[in-house]
Amino acid sequence: MPQFPNLITSKLPKISTTIFTVMSKLAAEHKAINLSQGFPDFGCSDELIRGVNQEMKAGHNQYAPMAGVMELREAIAEKTEQLYSARYNPETEITITAGATQAIYTAITALIREDDEVLIFEPAYDCYIPAIELNGGKPIFYQLKAPTYSIDWSEVQKLINHHTKMIIINTPHNPTGSILSAEDMAKLEKLTRDTEIVIVSDEVYEHILFDGHAHQSMARFPALADRSFIISSFGKTFHTTGWKIGYCIAPRNLMEEFRKVHQFLVFSVNTPLQYALAGFLKKKENYLGLGTFYQQKRDYFTKLISNSNFSYTPSSGTYFQLLNYKKLSDEKDTEYAVRLVKEFKLAAIPVSVFYHQPTDNKVLRFCFAKQNDTLEKAAEIICKI
């Protein structure tokens, strides 16, 4: 087929295949244990699977309403009010999406115009920057303070100006496993007061917090909720990342703009899954025990590697654990991660790739959403390095 390179100018010239795809492919090639990409290697609930099958047999196989099945939106509204004392109208303020990434892209596309500035906290999940740039926006970066990955809000204040249209928040935070506190939210509220700044709050790990911490959703804080798109993921909550189904909640004026874009991106989302999730979500025990479940895995994994040459601070949320390898090598984390796969048959994600300009703190991200025997095999390798 003939090529016409002169007719093509990339809109994302710096973007290549994501690190998750690269490392998972490398892990498969070398038959390595894959703790890189963030997905469980165990199954989801049998009850949920049966529910999907029942909904398919019941004939729920055609287009869902554009905003999502009402039963599911109502269940989300009920959950949000019970957890965060915030009321959202399921008719006008909740939309079901084809995963959290689509929701984030939709929220950014709905509001960001040429030269609008969007504040991002780095290291940052890799879908934020491309979405901003595709819409002509300008990402502005604040670097979280390693090793705790905390925020100095006085420094953030200096980055805010009349061009600042949006701030993207992620708590619990991927890739670091850090969380924002109620004090952080109070400072964010003060920073955005008397501005027209909109917040996109990536809360996909909202149910995975440890050591007694409570999730500080934007929904808890009325002044923040009034300016926020809050995004979550059923895939993270119910061990079904391959289903790619999530949701966005926002005040009516923001949601109206969100839906204008949503209807032309995906129009609607998998119908039988929505009906099944609506029933499953009504049982609180299906998600309220998630933090305890994953804390047991975090604690088991860190106990297994406690005598290794890696150093770490136990993560506060998500199902990721950062490990520092400074005692072992001076290599770039990207190089060390590749060598870890090839020589030791263990795959992780180098954290430097989550910065717009590589920032190498000699840290790798490991996913512990795995069966115990997988964690045991991985830990055995880690302790031998």
Protein backbone atom coordinates (compact mmCIF):
# COMPACT_ATOMS: atom_id res chain seq x y z
CA MET A 1 0.00 0.00 0.00
CA PRO A 2 1.43 3.42 -0.88
CA GLN A 3 2.46 5.73 1.94
CA PHE A 4 1.82 9.46 2.06
CA PRO A 5 3.99 10.70 4.93
CA ASN A 6 3.84 14.32 3.77
CA LEU A 7 0.09 14.36 4.35
CA ILE A 8 0.36 13.27 8.00
CA THR A 9 1.43 15.40 10.93
CA SER A 10 1.00 13.62 14.24
CA LYS A 11 -1.15 15.34 16.83
CA LEU A 12 0.75 13.45 19.53
CA PRO A 13 4.33 13.30 18.21
CA LYS A 14 5.85 12.43 21.59
CA ILE A 15 3.42 9.61 22.37
CA SER A 16 4.28 5.98 21.74
CA THR A 17 2.85 2.67 22.97
CA THR A 18 1.99 2.89 26.68
CA ILE A 19 4.46 1.51 29.21
CA PHE A 20 1.80 -0.92 30.43
CA THR A 21 1.56 -2.56 27.03
CA VAL A 22 5.34 -2.56 26.62
CA MET A 23 6.06 -4.20 29.97
CA SER A 24 3.23 -6.73 29.72
CA LYS A 25 4.45 -7.76 26.27
CA LEU A 26 7.99 -8.06 27.58
CA ALA A 27 6.76 -10.13 30.52
CA ALA A 28 4.95 -12.50 28.16
CA GLU A 29 7.99 -12.85 25.90
CA HIS A 30 10.25 -13.74 28.82
CA LYS A 31 7.65 -15.73 30.77
CA ALA A 32 8.04 -13.34 33.68
CA ILE A 33 5.70 -12.81 36.62
CA ASN A 34 3.72 -9.73 35.65
CA LEU A 35 3.32 -7.23 38.49
CA SER A 36 3.45 -4.35 36.02
CA GLN A 37 -0.01 -3.77 34.57
CA GLY A 38 -2.67 -3.03 37.16
CA PHE A 39 -5.12 -5.88 36.94
CA PRO A 40 -6.00 -8.81 39.25
CA ASP A 41 -5.00 -12.35 38.31
CA PHE A 42 -8.00 -13.72 40.19
CA GLY A 43 -11.64 -13.86 39.17
CA CYS A 44 -14.56 -11.59 39.97
CA SER A 45 -17.69 -12.55 41.89
CA ASP A 46 -19.62 -15.59 40.64
CA GLU A 47 -22.79 -13.75 41.63
CA LEU A 48 -21.88 -10.88 39.35
CA ILE A 49 -21.15 -13.22 36.45
CA ARG A 50 -24.50 -14.94 36.95
CA GLY A 51 -26.17 -11.54 37.09
CA VAL A 52 -24.72 -10.55 33.71
CA ASN A 53 -25.81 -13.85 32.19
CA GLN A 54 -29.32 -13.43 33.58
CA GLU A 55 -29.60 -9.92 32.16
CA MET A 56 -28.46 -11.14 28.75
CA LYS A 57 -31.08 -13.91 28.84
CA ALA A 58 -33.67 -11.36 29.95
CA GLY A 59 -33.12 -9.52 26.67
CA HIS A 60 -31.14 -6.51 27.87
CA ASN A 61 -28.87 -6.61 24.83
CA GLN A 62 -29.73 -3.46 22.90
CA TYR A 63 -28.60 0.14 23.35
CA ALA A 64 -28.81 1.49 26.86
CA PRO A 65 -29.93 5.08 27.36
CA MET A 66 -27.14 7.50 26.49
CA ALA A 67 -26.58 8.50 30.12
CA GLY A 68 -26.82 4.93 31.37
CA VAL A 69 -29.39 2.53 32.76
CA MET A 70 -31.46 4.42 35.35
CA GLU A 71 -31.30 1.59 37.91
CA LEU A 72 -27.51 1.83 37.94
CA ARG A 73 -27.49 5.61 38.14
CA GLU A 74 -29.89 5.42 41.07
CA ALA A 75 -27.66 2.86 42.83
CA ILE A 76 -24.64 5.16 42.35
CA ALA A 77 -26.58 8.13 43.73
CA GLU A 78 -27.59 6.09 46.78
CA LYS A 79 -24.02 4.88 47.38
CA THR A 80 -22.60 8.40 47.01
CA GLU A 81 -25.07 9.84 49.50
CA GLN A 82 -24.46 7.08 52.04
CA LEU A 83 -20.67 7.35 51.83
CA TYR A 84 -20.11 11.06 51.30
CA SER A 85 -23.39 12.74 52.36
CA ALA A 86 -23.73 14.23 48.88
CA ARG A 87 -26.92 14.10 46.82
CA TYR A 88 -26.69 13.78 43.05
CA ASN A 89 -29.70 13.61 40.75
CA PRO A 90 -29.42 10.34 38.77
CA GLU A 91 -31.40 11.88 35.92
CA THR A 92 -29.15 14.90 35.31
CA GLU A 93 -25.91 14.44 37.29
CA ILE A 94 -24.68 10.86 36.76
CA THR A 95 -23.45 9.29 33.52
CA ILE A 96 -22.20 5.73 32.94
CA THR A 97 -19.02 5.58 30.87
CA ALA A 98 -16.91 3.05 28.99
CA GLY A 99 -14.33 3.04 31.75
CA ALA A 100 -12.68 5.83 33.72
CA THR A 101 -10.27 6.75 30.92
CA GLN A 102 -13.18 7.61 28.63
CA ALA A 103 -14.75 9.64 31.43
CA ILE A 104 -11.55 11.60 31.98
CA TYR A 105 -11.13 12.26 28.27
CA THR A 106 -14.76 13.34 27.98
CA ALA A 107 -14.53 15.77 30.90
CA ILE A 108 -11.38 17.36 29.51
CA THR A 109 -12.77 17.56 25.98
CA ALA A 110 -16.01 19.10 27.20
CA LEU A 111 -14.30 22.17 28.66
CA ILE A 112 -10.69 22.60 27.52
CA ARG A 113 -10.06 25.00 24.64
CA GLU A 114 -6.94 26.25 22.86
CA ASP A 115 -4.32 27.52 25.33
CA ASP A 116 -6.32 26.70 28.46
CA GLU A 117 -3.98 25.56 31.23
CA VAL A 118 -4.58 22.33 33.14
CA LEU A 119 -2.67 21.65 36.35
CA ILE A 120 -1.38 18.09 36.76
CA PHE A 121 0.36 16.53 39.76
CA GLU A 122 3.30 14.34 38.77
CA PRO A 123 3.95 11.46 38.64
CA ALA A 124 0.66 11.34 36.79
CA TYR A 125 -1.39 8.59 35.16
CA ASP A 126 -0.57 8.57 31.48
CA CYS A 127 -3.97 9.41 29.97
CA TYR A 128 -4.14 12.98 31.29
CA ILE A 129 -1.57 14.77 29.13
CA PRO A 130 -2.66 13.37 25.72
CA ALA A 131 -6.28 14.34 26.40
CA ILE A 132 -5.25 17.88 27.27
CA GLU A 133 -2.98 18.25 24.24
CA LEU A 134 -5.50 16.80 21.78
CA ASN A 135 -7.87 19.56 22.85
CA GLY A 136 -5.30 22.32 22.45
CA GLY A 137 -4.76 22.77 26.16
CA LYS A 138 -1.47 23.27 27.96
CA PRO A 139 -0.52 20.93 30.81
CA ILE A 140 1.13 22.65 33.78
CA PHE A 141 3.09 20.41 36.10
CA TYR A 142 3.57 20.25 39.84
CA GLN A 143 5.91 17.56 41.12
CA LEU A 144 4.77 15.67 44.21
CA LYS A 145 7.34 15.59 46.99
CA ALA A 146 9.03 12.17 47.08
CA PRO A 147 9.26 9.90 48.99
CA THR A 148 5.89 10.72 50.60
CA TYR A 149 4.50 12.27 47.39
CA SER A 150 2.87 15.08 49.32
CA ILE A 151 1.70 18.51 48.07
CA ASP A 152 2.98 21.91 49.15
CA TRP A 153 -0.12 23.95 48.33
CA SER A 154 1.74 27.24 48.64
CA GLU A 155 3.83 26.14 45.67
CA VAL A 156 0.73 25.07 43.78
CA GLN A 157 -0.76 28.52 44.32
CA LYS A 158 2.12 30.04 42.33
CA LEU A 159 1.09 27.98 39.27
CA ILE A 160 -2.47 29.32 39.23
CA ASN A 161 -3.30 32.25 36.93
CA HIS A 162 -6.13 33.53 34.75
CA HIS A 163 -5.33 30.85 32.12
CA THR A 164 -5.88 28.00 34.61
CA LYS A 165 -9.07 26.24 33.54
CA MET A 166 -8.78 22.87 35.25
CA ILE A 167 -6.97 20.92 37.97
CA ILE A 168 -6.73 17.12 37.78
CA ILE A 169 -6.72 15.38 41.17
CA ASN A 170 -6.05 11.69 41.71
CA THR A 171 -6.65 10.12 45.11
CA PRO A 172 -5.84 7.37 46.01
CA HIS A 173 -2.94 8.08 43.70
CA ASN A 174 -1.63 5.94 40.86
CA PRO A 175 1.30 5.24 40.65
CA THR A 176 2.48 6.20 44.16
CA GLY A 177 -0.22 4.78 46.43
CA SER A 178 -0.41 8.07 48.36
CA ILE A 179 -3.70 9.69 49.41
CA LEU A 180 -4.99 13.21 50.00
CA SER A 181 -6.22 14.22 53.44
CA ALA A 182 -9.14 16.37 54.54
CA GLU A 183 -6.55 19.10 55.18
CA ASP A 184 -5.43 18.83 51.55
CA MET A 185 -9.02 19.26 50.45
CA ALA A 186 -9.44 22.34 52.63
CA LYS A 187 -6.37 23.89 51.00
CA LEU A 188 -7.62 22.98 47.53
CA GLU A 189 -10.96 24.57 48.36
CA LYS A 190 -9.22 27.77 49.47
CA LEU A 191 -7.01 27.78 46.36
CA THR A 192 -9.96 27.50 43.96
CA ARG A 193 -12.30 29.86 45.82
CA ASP A 194 -13.43 32.83 43.71
CA THR A 195 -12.08 31.19 40.54
CA GLU A 196 -13.73 29.45 37.60
CA ILE A 197 -11.38 26.47 37.85
CA VAL A 198 -13.00 23.07 37.26
CA ILE A 199 -11.67 19.93 38.97
CA VAL A 200 -11.46 16.52 37.36
CA SER A 201 -11.18 14.12 40.30
CA ASP A 202 -9.90 10.67 39.39
CA GLU A 203 -11.19 8.52 42.25
CA VAL A 204 -11.08 5.07 40.68
CA TYR A 205 -9.49 3.55 43.80
CA GLU A 206 -12.03 5.17 46.13
CA HIS A 207 -12.68 1.91 48.01
CA ILE A 208 -9.04 0.84 48.34
CA LEU A 209 -7.54 2.69 51.32
CA PHE A 210 -5.57 1.23 54.19
CA ASP A 211 -4.72 1.70 57.86
CA GLY A 212 -8.05 3.26 58.78
CA HIS A 213 -7.87 6.13 56.29
CA ALA A 214 -11.15 7.44 54.85
CA HIS A 215 -11.44 8.40 51.22
CA GLN A 216 -11.64 12.17 50.82
CA SER A 217 -13.89 12.41 47.80
CA MET A 218 -14.61 15.80 46.26
CA ALA A 219 -18.23 14.90 46.97
CA ARG A 220 -17.62 15.36 50.71
CA PHE A 221 -16.87 19.06 50.25
CA PRO A 222 -19.76 21.09 48.77
CA ALA A 223 -17.59 23.95 47.50
CA LEU A 224 -15.37 21.45 45.65
CA ALA A 225 -18.24 19.21 44.51
CA ASP A 226 -19.86 22.23 42.83
CA ARG A 227 -16.87 22.52 40.46
CA SER A 228 -15.93 18.83 40.07
CA PHE A 229 -16.27 15.95 37.67
CA ILE A 230 -15.86 12.92 39.98
CA ILE A 231 -14.85 9.75 38.17
CA SER A 232 -14.81 6.16 39.38
CA SER A 233 -14.41 2.65 38.01
CA PHE A 234 -16.35 -0.57 38.48
CA GLY A 235 -13.38 -2.41 37.00
CA LYS A 236 -11.16 -1.49 39.96
CA THR A 237 -13.89 -2.09 42.52
CA PHE A 238 -15.19 -5.43 41.29
CA HIS A 239 -12.04 -6.99 39.73
CA THR A 240 -13.39 -6.57 36.19
CA THR A 241 -10.90 -4.26 34.46
CA GLY A 242 -11.64 -5.87 31.11
CA TRP A 243 -15.27 -4.79 31.22
CA LYS A 244 -14.24 -1.12 30.87
CA ILE A 245 -17.17 0.40 32.68
CA GLY A 246 -17.14 3.36 35.04
CA TYR A 247 -19.06 6.52 35.76
CA CYS A 248 -18.90 10.27 36.21
CA ILE A 249 -20.87 12.39 38.67
CA ALA A 250 -21.01 16.18 38.44
CA PRO A 251 -23.39 19.09 39.03
CA ARG A 252 -25.98 19.56 36.31
CA ASN A 253 -24.29 22.44 34.48
CA LEU A 254 -21.05 20.46 34.13
CA MET A 255 -22.80 17.21 33.29
CA GLU A 256 -24.73 18.86 30.45
CA GLU A 257 -21.42 19.68 28.75
CA PHE A 258 -20.01 16.23 29.57
CA ARG A 259 -22.93 14.47 27.89
CA LYS A 260 -22.63 16.56 24.75
CA VAL A 261 -19.23 14.95 24.19
CA HIS A 262 -20.06 11.53 25.66
CA GLN A 263 -22.87 10.88 23.18
CA PHE A 264 -20.49 11.25 20.24
CA LEU A 265 -17.62 9.26 21.75
CA VAL A 266 -19.43 6.07 22.75
CA PHE A 267 -23.11 7.10 22.88
CA SER A 268 -23.92 4.37 25.41
CA VAL A 269 -22.28 1.61 27.42
CA ASN A 270 -22.68 -2.18 27.63
CA THR A 271 -26.31 -2.77 28.58
CA PRO A 272 -26.40 -6.16 30.39
CA LEU A 273 -23.38 -5.21 32.48
CA GLN A 274 -25.14 -2.07 33.65
CA TYR A 275 -28.22 -3.97 34.79
CA ALA A 276 -26.10 -6.57 36.59
CA LEU A 277 -23.97 -3.93 38.30
CA ALA A 278 -27.09 -2.09 39.44
CA GLY A 279 -28.20 -5.10 41.45
CA PHE A 280 -24.70 -5.94 42.69
CA LEU A 281 -24.01 -2.38 43.85
CA LYS A 282 -27.02 -2.37 46.15
CA LYS A 283 -25.24 -4.83 48.45
CA LYS A 284 -22.75 -2.73 50.46
CA GLU A 285 -20.68 -5.75 51.36
CA ASN A 286 -19.69 -6.07 47.70
CA TYR A 287 -17.47 -3.00 47.94
CA LEU A 288 -17.09 -1.85 51.56
CA GLY A 289 -14.68 -4.68 52.41
CA LEU A 290 -12.35 -3.92 49.52
CA GLY A 291 -9.86 -1.93 51.59
CA THR A 292 -9.48 -4.76 54.08
CA PHE A 293 -9.10 -7.30 51.27
CA TYR A 294 -6.29 -5.38 49.59
CA GLN A 295 -4.60 -4.33 52.82
CA GLN A 296 -4.16 -8.01 53.60
CA LYS A 297 -2.46 -8.42 50.23
CA ARG A 298 -0.31 -5.32 50.73
CA ASP A 299 0.75 -6.51 54.18
CA TYR A 300 1.42 -10.04 52.95
CA PHE A 301 3.53 -8.81 50.04
CA THR A 302 5.55 -6.33 52.11
CA LYS A 303 6.14 -8.93 54.84
CA LEU A 304 7.46 -11.37 52.25
CA ILE A 305 9.96 -8.80 50.93
CA SER A 306 10.89 -7.24 54.28
CA ASN A 307 14.38 -8.76 54.21
CA SER A 308 15.08 -7.77 50.60
CA ASN A 309 17.48 -5.08 49.39
CA PHE A 310 14.58 -2.93 48.23
CA SER A 311 13.31 -0.14 50.49
CA TYR A 312 9.72 1.04 50.70
CA THR A 313 6.98 2.81 52.62
CA PRO A 314 3.74 0.80 52.63
CA SER A 315 1.22 2.32 50.25
CA SER A 316 -1.79 4.11 51.74
CA GLY A 317 -4.19 3.18 48.95
CA THR A 318 -4.62 1.60 45.48
CA TYR A 319 -3.21 -1.87 44.81
CA PHE A 320 0.30 -0.67 43.99
CA GLN A 321 3.48 -0.70 46.03
CA LEU A 322 6.56 1.37 45.18
CA LEU A 323 9.95 -0.23 45.78
CA ASN A 324 13.22 1.72 45.76
CA TYR A 325 16.28 -0.09 44.36
CA LYS A 326 19.02 2.46 45.16
CA LYS A 327 20.92 -0.14 47.18
CA LEU A 328 21.05 -2.41 44.17
CA SER A 329 21.84 -0.32 41.11
CA ASP A 330 22.52 3.14 39.69
CA GLU A 331 20.79 2.23 36.42
CA LYS A 332 17.92 4.31 35.09
CA ASP A 333 14.64 2.87 36.27
CA THR A 334 13.59 2.18 32.67
CA GLU A 335 16.74 0.13 32.12
CA TYR A 336 16.52 -1.62 35.47
CA ALA A 337 12.88 -2.58 34.85
CA VAL A 338 13.82 -4.22 31.55
CA ARG A 339 16.75 -6.05 33.14
CA LEU A 340 14.46 -7.23 35.93
CA VAL A 341 12.27 -8.92 33.35
CA LYS A 342 15.05 -10.41 31.25
CA GLU A 343 17.34 -11.61 34.04
CA PHE A 344 14.98 -12.22 36.95
CA LYS A 345 11.64 -12.91 35.21
CA LEU A 346 9.73 -10.22 37.11
CA ALA A 347 7.91 -7.28 35.53
CA ALA A 348 7.25 -3.89 37.16
CA ILE A 349 6.66 -0.33 35.95
CA PRO A 350 9.43 2.32 36.11
CA VAL A 351 7.91 5.38 37.79
CA SER A 352 9.94 7.90 35.77
CA VAL A 353 7.61 7.37 32.80
CA PHE A 354 4.81 9.07 34.75
CA TYR A 355 6.64 12.41 34.48
CA HIS A 356 6.60 14.67 31.41
CA GLN A 357 10.37 14.98 31.80
CA PRO A 358 11.85 11.73 33.13
CA THR A 359 12.49 12.05 36.85
CA ASP A 360 14.38 9.04 38.09
CA ASN A 361 14.09 8.35 41.83
CA LYS A 362 15.15 4.69 41.37
CA VAL A 363 11.60 3.53 42.06
CA LEU A 364 9.50 0.79 40.47
CA ARG A 365 5.75 0.22 40.82
CA PHE A 366 4.54 -3.30 41.63
CA CYS A 367 0.90 -4.41 41.49
CA PHE A 368 -0.15 -6.63 44.41
CA ALA A 369 -3.67 -7.35 43.12
CA LYS A 370 -2.58 -10.94 42.68
CA GLN A 371 -3.19 -14.36 44.14
CA ASN A 372 -1.01 -15.14 47.13
CA ASP A 373 1.01 -17.74 45.27
CA THR A 374 1.82 -15.14 42.60
CA LEU A 375 2.98 -12.74 45.32
CA GLU A 376 5.02 -15.49 46.94
CA LYS A 377 6.82 -16.30 43.68
CA ALA A 378 7.47 -12.61 43.03
CA ALA A 379 8.73 -12.04 46.57
CA GLU A 380 11.10 -15.00 46.30
CA ILE A 381 12.67 -13.35 43.26
CA ILE A 382 12.82 -9.94 44.94
CA CYS A 383 14.58 -11.36 47.99
CA LYS A 384 17.25 -12.99 45.81
CA ILE A 385 18.21 -9.80 44.01
